[in-house]
N, C-alpha and C. Protein backbone atom coordinates (compact mmCIF):
# COMPACT_ATOMS: atom_id res chain seq x y z
N MET A 1 25.30 -61.68 -15.52
CA MET A 1 24.44 -61.00 -14.59
C MET A 1 23.59 -59.97 -15.35
N SER A 2 22.34 -59.86 -15.01
CA SER A 2 21.47 -58.90 -15.69
C SER A 2 21.81 -57.49 -15.21
N SER A 3 21.37 -56.50 -15.96
CA SER A 3 21.67 -55.12 -15.58
C SER A 3 21.02 -54.75 -14.25
N LEU A 4 19.84 -55.29 -13.96
CA LEU A 4 19.18 -55.03 -12.68
C LEU A 4 20.01 -55.60 -11.53
N ALA A 5 20.51 -56.81 -11.71
CA ALA A 5 21.34 -57.43 -10.67
C ALA A 5 22.65 -56.68 -10.50
N GLU A 6 23.22 -56.17 -11.59
CA GLU A 6 24.46 -55.38 -11.51
C GLU A 6 24.23 -54.10 -10.72
N GLU A 7 23.12 -53.43 -10.98
CA GLU A 7 22.79 -52.21 -10.24
C GLU A 7 22.62 -52.49 -8.75
N ALA A 8 21.96 -53.59 -8.42
CA ALA A 8 21.76 -53.96 -7.02
C ALA A 8 23.10 -54.24 -6.35
N ALA A 9 24.01 -54.88 -7.07
CA ALA A 9 25.33 -55.18 -6.52
C ALA A 9 26.11 -53.89 -6.27
N LYS A 10 26.00 -52.91 -7.18
CA LYS A 10 26.69 -51.63 -7.01
C LYS A 10 26.14 -50.88 -5.79
N LEU A 11 24.83 -50.89 -5.65
CA LEU A 11 24.21 -50.21 -4.52
C LEU A 11 24.62 -50.85 -3.19
N ALA A 12 24.77 -52.15 -3.18
CA ALA A 12 25.15 -52.86 -1.96
C ALA A 12 26.56 -52.50 -1.53
N GLN A 13 27.41 -52.08 -2.48
CA GLN A 13 28.79 -51.75 -2.18
C GLN A 13 28.96 -50.33 -1.63
N VAL A 14 27.94 -49.51 -1.71
CA VAL A 14 28.02 -48.14 -1.21
C VAL A 14 28.00 -48.18 0.31
N SER A 15 28.95 -47.47 0.91
CA SER A 15 29.03 -47.45 2.37
C SER A 15 27.86 -46.66 2.96
N ALA A 16 27.62 -46.88 4.24
CA ALA A 16 26.54 -46.17 4.93
C ALA A 16 26.78 -44.67 4.91
N ASP A 17 28.04 -44.24 5.09
CA ASP A 17 28.35 -42.81 5.07
C ASP A 17 28.04 -42.20 3.71
N GLU A 18 28.40 -42.89 2.65
CA GLU A 18 28.15 -42.37 1.30
C GLU A 18 26.66 -42.28 1.01
N SER A 19 25.90 -43.23 1.51
CA SER A 19 24.47 -43.24 1.21
C SER A 19 23.73 -42.13 1.94
N GLU A 20 24.29 -41.58 3.02
CA GLU A 20 23.62 -40.52 3.77
C GLU A 20 23.91 -39.14 3.20
N ILE A 21 24.84 -39.06 2.29
CA ILE A 21 25.17 -37.77 1.68
C ILE A 21 24.43 -37.68 0.37
N ALA A 22 23.41 -36.86 0.34
CA ALA A 22 22.61 -36.67 -0.86
C ALA A 22 22.67 -35.20 -1.24
N ALA A 23 22.62 -34.97 -2.51
CA ALA A 23 22.65 -33.60 -2.99
C ALA A 23 21.41 -32.87 -2.49
N GLY A 24 21.62 -31.71 -1.93
CA GLY A 24 20.50 -30.92 -1.42
C GLY A 24 19.90 -30.08 -2.52
N ARG A 25 18.78 -29.52 -2.21
CA ARG A 25 18.10 -28.64 -3.14
C ARG A 25 18.54 -27.23 -2.84
N GLU A 26 18.85 -26.49 -3.85
CA GLU A 26 19.26 -25.10 -3.69
C GLU A 26 18.06 -24.27 -3.25
N ARG A 27 18.19 -23.57 -2.15
CA ARG A 27 17.08 -22.75 -1.65
C ARG A 27 17.15 -21.37 -2.27
N GLU A 28 16.03 -20.91 -2.72
CA GLU A 28 15.94 -19.57 -3.28
C GLU A 28 15.79 -18.56 -2.14
N GLN A 29 16.27 -17.36 -2.39
CA GLN A 29 16.06 -16.27 -1.44
C GLN A 29 14.71 -15.65 -1.77
N LEU A 30 13.69 -16.01 -1.00
CA LEU A 30 12.33 -15.56 -1.29
C LEU A 30 11.86 -14.43 -0.38
N GLU A 31 12.56 -14.23 0.72
CA GLU A 31 12.16 -13.20 1.67
C GLU A 31 12.07 -11.84 0.98
N GLY A 32 10.87 -11.21 1.06
CA GLY A 32 10.67 -9.91 0.44
C GLY A 32 10.19 -9.98 -1.01
N TRP A 33 10.13 -11.17 -1.59
CA TRP A 33 9.73 -11.33 -3.00
C TRP A 33 8.24 -11.09 -3.17
N VAL A 34 7.88 -10.37 -4.21
CA VAL A 34 6.48 -10.16 -4.59
C VAL A 34 6.37 -10.63 -6.04
N PRO A 35 5.94 -11.88 -6.25
CA PRO A 35 5.88 -12.41 -7.62
C PRO A 35 4.76 -11.77 -8.43
N GLU A 36 4.99 -11.68 -9.73
CA GLU A 36 3.93 -11.25 -10.64
C GLU A 36 3.07 -12.47 -10.93
N LEU A 37 1.81 -12.32 -10.74
CA LEU A 37 0.89 -13.44 -10.92
C LEU A 37 0.04 -13.20 -12.17
N VAL A 38 0.72 -13.18 -13.32
CA VAL A 38 0.05 -12.85 -14.57
C VAL A 38 -0.74 -14.05 -15.11
N SER A 39 -0.17 -15.23 -15.00
CA SER A 39 -0.83 -16.42 -15.56
C SER A 39 -1.17 -17.42 -14.46
N GLU A 40 -1.99 -18.38 -14.80
CA GLU A 40 -2.34 -19.45 -13.87
C GLU A 40 -1.10 -20.22 -13.44
N ASP A 41 -0.21 -20.50 -14.39
CA ASP A 41 1.02 -21.24 -14.07
C ASP A 41 1.90 -20.47 -13.09
N GLU A 42 2.00 -19.14 -13.27
CA GLU A 42 2.80 -18.33 -12.35
C GLU A 42 2.21 -18.32 -10.95
N LEU A 43 0.89 -18.27 -10.87
CA LEU A 43 0.22 -18.32 -9.57
C LEU A 43 0.49 -19.65 -8.89
N ARG A 44 0.32 -20.75 -9.61
CA ARG A 44 0.55 -22.08 -9.03
C ARG A 44 2.00 -22.24 -8.58
N GLU A 45 2.95 -21.77 -9.40
CA GLU A 45 4.36 -21.89 -9.05
C GLU A 45 4.70 -21.05 -7.81
N ALA A 46 4.17 -19.84 -7.73
CA ALA A 46 4.42 -18.98 -6.57
C ALA A 46 3.84 -19.59 -5.31
N LEU A 47 2.66 -20.20 -5.40
CA LEU A 47 2.05 -20.81 -4.23
C LEU A 47 2.80 -22.06 -3.78
N GLU A 48 3.40 -22.80 -4.71
CA GLU A 48 4.25 -23.94 -4.34
C GLU A 48 5.47 -23.45 -3.57
N LYS A 49 6.05 -22.35 -4.03
CA LYS A 49 7.20 -21.77 -3.32
C LYS A 49 6.79 -21.26 -1.95
N ALA A 50 5.58 -20.68 -1.87
CA ALA A 50 5.07 -20.19 -0.59
C ALA A 50 4.86 -21.34 0.38
N PHE A 51 4.46 -22.49 -0.13
CA PHE A 51 4.27 -23.66 0.72
C PHE A 51 5.60 -24.12 1.32
N ASP A 52 6.67 -24.05 0.55
CA ASP A 52 8.00 -24.45 1.02
C ASP A 52 8.64 -23.38 1.91
N TYR A 53 8.16 -22.17 1.83
CA TYR A 53 8.73 -21.05 2.59
C TYR A 53 8.43 -21.21 4.07
N ARG A 54 9.38 -20.93 4.92
CA ARG A 54 9.20 -21.10 6.36
C ARG A 54 9.06 -19.77 7.07
N GLY A 55 8.35 -18.88 6.44
CA GLY A 55 8.05 -17.59 7.03
C GLY A 55 6.63 -17.21 6.68
N ASP A 56 6.21 -16.05 7.13
CA ASP A 56 4.85 -15.60 6.83
C ASP A 56 4.77 -15.01 5.43
N ILE A 57 3.60 -15.14 4.85
CA ILE A 57 3.31 -14.54 3.56
C ILE A 57 2.08 -13.65 3.71
N THR A 58 1.89 -12.76 2.76
CA THR A 58 0.69 -11.94 2.73
C THR A 58 -0.05 -12.23 1.44
N VAL A 59 -1.30 -12.65 1.58
CA VAL A 59 -2.16 -12.92 0.43
C VAL A 59 -3.15 -11.76 0.33
N THR A 60 -3.20 -11.16 -0.86
CA THR A 60 -4.21 -10.14 -1.13
C THR A 60 -5.27 -10.78 -2.01
N ARG A 61 -6.50 -10.74 -1.50
CA ARG A 61 -7.62 -11.31 -2.26
C ARG A 61 -8.10 -10.31 -3.31
N LYS A 62 -8.85 -10.82 -4.26
CA LYS A 62 -9.38 -9.97 -5.32
C LYS A 62 -10.36 -8.92 -4.79
N ASP A 63 -10.95 -9.16 -3.60
CA ASP A 63 -11.84 -8.16 -3.01
C ASP A 63 -11.06 -7.07 -2.25
N GLY A 64 -9.72 -7.18 -2.24
CA GLY A 64 -8.86 -6.18 -1.59
C GLY A 64 -8.45 -6.52 -0.17
N SER A 65 -9.10 -7.50 0.45
CA SER A 65 -8.73 -7.88 1.81
C SER A 65 -7.40 -8.64 1.80
N GLN A 66 -6.68 -8.55 2.91
CA GLN A 66 -5.38 -9.21 3.03
C GLN A 66 -5.37 -10.16 4.21
N VAL A 67 -4.60 -11.23 4.05
CA VAL A 67 -4.38 -12.19 5.12
C VAL A 67 -2.87 -12.39 5.21
N GLN A 68 -2.32 -12.15 6.40
CA GLN A 68 -0.90 -12.40 6.63
C GLN A 68 -0.79 -13.56 7.60
N GLY A 69 0.04 -14.54 7.23
CA GLY A 69 0.21 -15.69 8.08
C GLY A 69 1.08 -16.75 7.44
N TYR A 70 1.01 -17.92 8.05
CA TYR A 70 1.85 -19.04 7.61
C TYR A 70 1.03 -19.98 6.73
N LEU A 71 1.49 -20.19 5.50
CA LEU A 71 0.82 -21.10 4.58
C LEU A 71 1.33 -22.51 4.88
N PHE A 72 0.47 -23.34 5.46
CA PHE A 72 0.91 -24.66 5.92
C PHE A 72 0.42 -25.81 5.05
N ASP A 73 -0.49 -25.54 4.11
CA ASP A 73 -1.01 -26.62 3.28
C ASP A 73 -1.59 -26.03 2.01
N ARG A 74 -1.65 -26.86 0.98
CA ARG A 74 -2.32 -26.47 -0.24
C ARG A 74 -2.96 -27.70 -0.85
N ARG A 75 -4.06 -27.49 -1.50
CA ARG A 75 -4.80 -28.56 -2.17
C ARG A 75 -4.96 -28.13 -3.62
N THR A 76 -4.28 -28.80 -4.51
CA THR A 76 -4.36 -28.41 -5.91
C THR A 76 -5.40 -29.24 -6.63
N GLY A 77 -6.23 -28.55 -7.39
CA GLY A 77 -7.26 -29.17 -8.19
C GLY A 77 -7.04 -28.86 -9.66
N ALA A 78 -7.98 -29.27 -10.47
CA ALA A 78 -7.89 -29.07 -11.92
C ALA A 78 -8.04 -27.60 -12.29
N THR A 79 -8.79 -26.85 -11.50
CA THR A 79 -9.00 -25.43 -11.79
C THR A 79 -8.56 -24.59 -10.59
N LEU A 80 -8.45 -23.29 -10.81
CA LEU A 80 -8.10 -22.39 -9.71
C LEU A 80 -9.21 -22.32 -8.67
N ALA A 81 -10.45 -22.47 -9.11
CA ALA A 81 -11.59 -22.40 -8.19
C ALA A 81 -11.63 -23.57 -7.23
N ASN A 82 -11.13 -24.74 -7.65
CA ASN A 82 -11.14 -25.88 -6.73
C ASN A 82 -9.75 -26.23 -6.20
N SER A 83 -8.85 -25.26 -6.22
CA SER A 83 -7.53 -25.37 -5.59
C SER A 83 -7.50 -24.38 -4.42
N PHE A 84 -6.95 -24.80 -3.29
CA PHE A 84 -6.98 -23.98 -2.08
C PHE A 84 -5.62 -23.97 -1.38
N VAL A 85 -5.33 -22.83 -0.73
CA VAL A 85 -4.22 -22.77 0.21
C VAL A 85 -4.85 -22.71 1.60
N ARG A 86 -4.12 -23.22 2.58
CA ARG A 86 -4.58 -23.17 3.96
C ARG A 86 -3.56 -22.35 4.75
N ILE A 87 -4.05 -21.33 5.42
CA ILE A 87 -3.18 -20.37 6.11
C ILE A 87 -3.61 -20.23 7.56
N ILE A 88 -2.61 -20.12 8.43
CA ILE A 88 -2.86 -19.77 9.83
C ILE A 88 -2.52 -18.28 9.94
N PRO A 89 -3.54 -17.42 10.05
CA PRO A 89 -3.28 -15.98 10.15
C PRO A 89 -2.49 -15.63 11.41
N ILE A 90 -1.72 -14.58 11.34
CA ILE A 90 -0.89 -14.13 12.47
C ILE A 90 -1.75 -13.80 13.69
N ASP A 91 -2.85 -13.13 13.48
CA ASP A 91 -3.64 -12.63 14.60
C ASP A 91 -4.84 -13.50 14.97
N GLU A 92 -4.90 -14.71 14.44
CA GLU A 92 -6.03 -15.60 14.74
C GLU A 92 -5.53 -17.00 15.04
N LYS A 93 -6.39 -17.80 15.64
CA LYS A 93 -6.04 -19.19 15.91
C LYS A 93 -6.75 -20.14 14.95
N THR A 94 -7.58 -19.58 14.08
CA THR A 94 -8.30 -20.41 13.12
C THR A 94 -7.46 -20.59 11.86
N LYS A 95 -7.80 -21.59 11.09
CA LYS A 95 -7.13 -21.85 9.83
C LYS A 95 -8.08 -21.45 8.70
N LEU A 96 -7.56 -20.72 7.75
CA LEU A 96 -8.37 -20.24 6.64
C LEU A 96 -8.09 -21.03 5.37
N ASN A 97 -9.12 -21.27 4.60
CA ASN A 97 -8.99 -21.82 3.25
C ASN A 97 -9.22 -20.68 2.28
N ILE A 98 -8.31 -20.49 1.34
CA ILE A 98 -8.46 -19.45 0.32
C ILE A 98 -8.29 -20.12 -1.03
N ALA A 99 -9.30 -19.96 -1.88
CA ALA A 99 -9.24 -20.53 -3.22
C ALA A 99 -8.19 -19.78 -4.05
N TYR A 100 -7.46 -20.52 -4.87
CA TYR A 100 -6.48 -19.88 -5.75
C TYR A 100 -7.15 -18.79 -6.58
N SER A 101 -8.39 -19.03 -6.99
CA SER A 101 -9.11 -18.08 -7.85
C SER A 101 -9.40 -16.76 -7.14
N GLU A 102 -9.33 -16.71 -5.80
CA GLU A 102 -9.57 -15.49 -5.03
C GLU A 102 -8.30 -14.65 -4.86
N ILE A 103 -7.13 -15.19 -5.22
CA ILE A 103 -5.85 -14.54 -4.93
C ILE A 103 -5.48 -13.56 -6.04
N ALA A 104 -5.29 -12.29 -5.65
CA ALA A 104 -4.88 -11.24 -6.58
C ALA A 104 -3.37 -11.00 -6.51
N ALA A 105 -2.79 -11.13 -5.31
CA ALA A 105 -1.37 -10.85 -5.12
C ALA A 105 -0.83 -11.69 -3.97
N LEU A 106 0.47 -11.89 -3.99
CA LEU A 106 1.16 -12.69 -2.98
C LEU A 106 2.48 -12.00 -2.67
N ALA A 107 2.85 -11.94 -1.39
CA ALA A 107 4.12 -11.34 -0.99
C ALA A 107 4.74 -12.17 0.12
N PHE A 108 6.03 -12.39 0.02
CA PHE A 108 6.79 -13.13 1.04
C PHE A 108 7.28 -12.10 2.06
N THR A 109 6.42 -11.77 3.01
CA THR A 109 6.65 -10.64 3.90
C THR A 109 7.36 -10.99 5.20
N GLY A 110 7.27 -12.22 5.64
CA GLY A 110 7.88 -12.60 6.91
C GLY A 110 9.31 -13.09 6.74
N ARG A 111 10.04 -13.10 7.82
CA ARG A 111 11.41 -13.60 7.83
C ARG A 111 11.40 -15.10 7.59
N ASP A 112 12.30 -15.58 6.73
CA ASP A 112 12.41 -17.01 6.45
C ASP A 112 13.16 -17.66 7.61
N ASN A 113 12.43 -18.33 8.48
CA ASN A 113 13.01 -18.92 9.68
C ASN A 113 13.97 -20.07 9.41
N ALA A 114 13.94 -20.64 8.22
CA ALA A 114 14.81 -21.76 7.90
C ALA A 114 16.08 -21.33 7.16
N ALA A 115 16.17 -20.09 6.77
CA ALA A 115 17.33 -19.62 6.00
C ALA A 115 18.61 -19.77 6.80
N GLY A 116 19.59 -20.41 6.20
CA GLY A 116 20.90 -20.57 6.83
C GLY A 116 20.96 -21.61 7.91
N LYS A 117 19.94 -22.39 8.09
CA LYS A 117 19.92 -23.38 9.16
C LYS A 117 20.06 -24.80 8.59
N THR A 118 21.02 -24.98 7.73
CA THR A 118 21.26 -26.29 7.15
C THR A 118 22.23 -27.07 8.02
N PHE A 119 22.32 -28.35 7.78
CA PHE A 119 23.27 -29.18 8.51
C PHE A 119 24.70 -28.70 8.24
N ASP A 120 24.98 -28.30 7.00
CA ASP A 120 26.31 -27.80 6.66
C ASP A 120 26.67 -26.58 7.51
N ALA A 121 25.69 -25.70 7.76
CA ALA A 121 25.95 -24.52 8.60
C ALA A 121 26.26 -24.94 10.03
N TRP A 122 25.57 -25.95 10.53
CA TRP A 122 25.84 -26.46 11.89
C TRP A 122 27.26 -27.01 11.98
N VAL A 123 27.64 -27.81 10.99
CA VAL A 123 28.97 -28.43 10.99
C VAL A 123 30.04 -27.35 10.92
N LYS A 124 29.83 -26.33 10.10
CA LYS A 124 30.79 -25.24 9.98
C LYS A 124 30.98 -24.56 11.33
N LYS A 125 29.89 -24.30 12.06
CA LYS A 125 29.99 -23.67 13.38
C LYS A 125 30.76 -24.56 14.36
N TYR A 126 30.52 -25.87 14.28
CA TYR A 126 31.22 -26.81 15.14
C TYR A 126 32.73 -26.72 14.92
N TRP A 127 33.14 -26.77 13.66
CA TRP A 127 34.57 -26.74 13.36
C TRP A 127 35.20 -25.39 13.72
N GLU A 128 34.44 -24.31 13.60
CA GLU A 128 34.94 -22.99 14.00
C GLU A 128 35.18 -22.95 15.51
N LYS A 129 34.24 -23.51 16.28
CA LYS A 129 34.40 -23.55 17.74
C LYS A 129 35.57 -24.44 18.12
N LYS A 130 35.71 -25.58 17.46
CA LYS A 130 36.80 -26.51 17.75
C LYS A 130 38.15 -25.86 17.44
N ALA A 131 38.24 -25.16 16.29
CA ALA A 131 39.48 -24.48 15.91
C ALA A 131 39.83 -23.36 16.88
N ALA A 132 38.82 -22.77 17.50
CA ALA A 132 39.05 -21.70 18.48
C ALA A 132 39.45 -22.26 19.85
N GLY A 133 39.49 -23.59 19.98
CA GLY A 133 39.94 -24.21 21.21
C GLY A 133 38.85 -24.46 22.24
N GLU A 134 37.60 -24.29 21.85
CA GLU A 134 36.52 -24.54 22.81
C GLU A 134 36.44 -26.03 23.15
N LYS A 135 36.06 -26.32 24.36
CA LYS A 135 35.92 -27.70 24.84
C LYS A 135 34.45 -28.00 25.08
N ASN A 136 34.11 -29.28 25.10
CA ASN A 136 32.74 -29.72 25.34
C ASN A 136 31.73 -29.02 24.44
N ILE A 137 32.10 -28.91 23.18
CA ILE A 137 31.19 -28.25 22.24
C ILE A 137 30.26 -29.29 21.62
N GLN A 138 29.11 -28.81 21.28
CA GLN A 138 28.15 -29.67 20.59
C GLN A 138 27.34 -28.80 19.63
N ILE A 139 26.76 -29.44 18.68
CA ILE A 139 25.95 -28.70 17.72
C ILE A 139 24.52 -28.68 18.25
N GLU A 140 24.00 -27.47 18.45
CA GLU A 140 22.64 -27.32 18.96
C GLU A 140 21.85 -26.49 17.95
N PRO A 141 20.56 -26.78 17.83
CA PRO A 141 19.74 -26.00 16.91
C PRO A 141 19.58 -24.57 17.40
N GLU A 142 19.48 -23.66 16.43
CA GLU A 142 19.25 -22.27 16.77
C GLU A 142 17.77 -22.07 17.05
N ARG A 143 17.48 -21.07 17.87
CA ARG A 143 16.08 -20.74 18.14
C ARG A 143 15.45 -20.17 16.87
N LEU A 144 14.21 -20.49 16.62
CA LEU A 144 13.52 -19.98 15.44
C LEU A 144 12.84 -18.64 15.69
N ASP A 145 12.87 -18.17 16.91
CA ASP A 145 12.25 -16.90 17.35
C ASP A 145 10.78 -17.01 17.42
């Protein structure tokens, strides 16, 4: 049997339960973080983290103006001038495009709404309720506020 066929045979033997358990990504505690944006790479890395963050951020532009809101998209280009973040400001209904080249500072100012809301946390709560003798328990999502 070829090595490709052997790999396929091994994968076929994995149970459905085993295949649904995948290693998760470790989440960083970003709430309150103000990254130093000294280099282009640091700016790009901080904006990638801001994109994954499920809270509001504050962007300070080089002209001194600030935008606080939810960063919901980013478009990366070859240069900072043609790379953009897209933000929904807290106090507006419009979506703003801000070029990476306009960003002087970034702060993770809002509460991370996804922190602690993993499936493992839900299961832990379920077993705690069951151990306490509660009946008709179910796992329900928490409100995001």
